[in-house]
Each structure stands twice: as structure tokens, then as C-alpha cells.
Amino acid sequence: MAKLEDLAERVDRLVLRHQELKRTSALIEQQLQTVTAERDSLRSRLGAARARIDALLERLPADGAPAMDAPQKASPL
């Protein structure tokens, strides 16, 4: 009879452990979804920032000379 009670106790512990693992897994899945959404948002922001930088770089003169429409600063002598 003691063996049967020991077995029942072990089964109960296994059931409890299984439930804990399911809850932990659900929490980790939720965290993964949150982090994935954050990553996707950051990628989008990075892409937009790169596009703005590329647009600004295109406005720079190619040979390093000041742009014609940019105001010229007087050089102090």
C-alpha cells in the first residue's frame, strides 16, 4: 500500500510541475512576442533613419565643394 501512496504522491508532484512549466512557457511566449514587436519597430525606425541620412548625403556636393545654394561664410582674416 505504501508503494501505491508513493506513486500517487509522485504523480501529484509531476502534475504540479507540469502546470508550473506550462505557466512559465506561456509567460516566455508572451515575452517573446513583446520583444519581437519591439525588434520590428526598431528595425522600422532604423530603416527610416537610414533613408533620411541617405537623402541628406545626396544633398551634399560630390567633390567636397560647398553647395551653390548654401550661404557662404566670410573667412576671418
Protein backbone atom coordinates (compact mmCIF):
# COMPACT_ATOMS: atom_id res chain seq x y z
CA MET A 1 0.00 0.00 0.00
CA ALA A 2 2.91 2.36 0.73
CA LYS A 3 4.21 1.96 -2.81
CA LEU A 4 0.86 2.98 -4.22
CA GLU A 5 0.77 6.08 -1.99
CA ASP A 6 4.34 6.96 -3.01
CA LEU A 7 3.39 6.58 -6.64
CA ALA A 8 0.30 8.75 -6.20
CA GLU A 9 2.42 11.42 -4.48
CA ARG A 10 4.96 11.38 -7.31
CA VAL A 11 2.18 11.67 -9.88
CA ASP A 12 0.74 14.64 -7.99
CA ARG A 13 4.16 16.33 -7.94
CA LEU A 14 4.58 15.68 -11.65
CA VAL A 15 1.18 17.20 -12.39
CA LEU A 16 2.05 20.29 -10.35
CA ARG A 17 5.42 20.59 -12.09
CA HIS A 18 3.75 20.24 -15.46
CA GLN A 19 1.32 23.04 -14.62
CA GLU A 20 4.19 25.28 -13.47
CA LEU A 21 6.08 24.61 -16.70
CA LYS A 22 3.01 25.41 -18.78
CA ARG A 23 2.61 28.76 -16.98
CA THR A 24 6.30 29.52 -17.40
CA SER A 25 6.13 28.63 -21.06
CA ALA A 26 3.12 30.91 -21.58
CA LEU A 27 4.95 33.81 -19.89
CA ILE A 28 8.05 33.26 -22.01
CA GLU A 29 5.91 33.13 -25.15
CA GLN A 30 4.31 36.45 -24.19
CA GLN A 31 7.73 38.00 -23.56
CA LEU A 32 8.93 36.71 -26.91
CA GLN A 33 6.01 38.35 -28.68
CA THR A 34 6.71 41.65 -26.91
CA VAL A 35 10.41 41.56 -27.75
CA THR A 36 9.69 40.59 -31.35
CA ALA A 37 7.31 43.52 -31.76
CA GLU A 38 9.90 45.85 -30.23
CA ARG A 39 12.59 44.50 -32.57
CA ASP A 40 10.36 45.00 -35.60
CA SER A 41 9.60 48.56 -34.51
CA LEU A 42 13.28 49.33 -34.03
CA ARG A 43 14.09 47.87 -37.46
CA SER A 44 11.46 50.10 -39.00
CA ARG A 45 12.82 53.17 -37.21
CA LEU A 46 16.34 52.25 -38.29
CA GLY A 47 15.23 51.96 -41.90
CA ALA A 48 13.56 55.36 -41.75
CA ALA A 49 16.65 56.92 -40.20
CA ARG A 50 18.86 55.39 -42.88
CA ALA A 51 16.59 56.76 -45.58
CA ARG A 52 16.79 60.26 -44.04
CA ILE A 53 20.58 60.04 -43.82
CA ASP A 54 20.81 58.83 -47.42
CA ALA A 55 18.63 61.75 -48.53
CA LEU A 56 20.88 64.18 -46.65
CA LEU A 57 24.01 62.62 -48.13
CA GLU A 58 22.59 63.00 -51.63
CA ARG A 59 22.21 66.71 -51.00
CA LEU A 60 25.92 67.08 -50.26
CA PRO A 61 28.15 68.05 -53.18
CA ALA A 62 30.11 65.14 -54.58
CA ASP A 63 33.54 66.85 -54.77
CA GLY A 64 33.53 68.34 -51.29
CA ALA A 65 32.95 71.90 -52.57
CA PRO A 66 30.27 73.91 -50.80
CA ALA A 67 26.85 73.71 -52.39
CA MET A 68 25.92 76.62 -54.64
CA ASP A 69 22.72 77.40 -52.79
CA ALA A 70 24.33 77.22 -49.35
CA PRO A 71 25.18 80.57 -47.77
CA GLN A 72 28.89 81.35 -47.84
CA LYS A 73 30.61 82.28 -44.58
CA ALA A 74 33.09 85.10 -44.63
CA SER A 75 36.53 83.88 -43.72
CA PRO A 76 38.12 85.78 -40.83
CA LEU A 77 41.47 87.30 -41.74
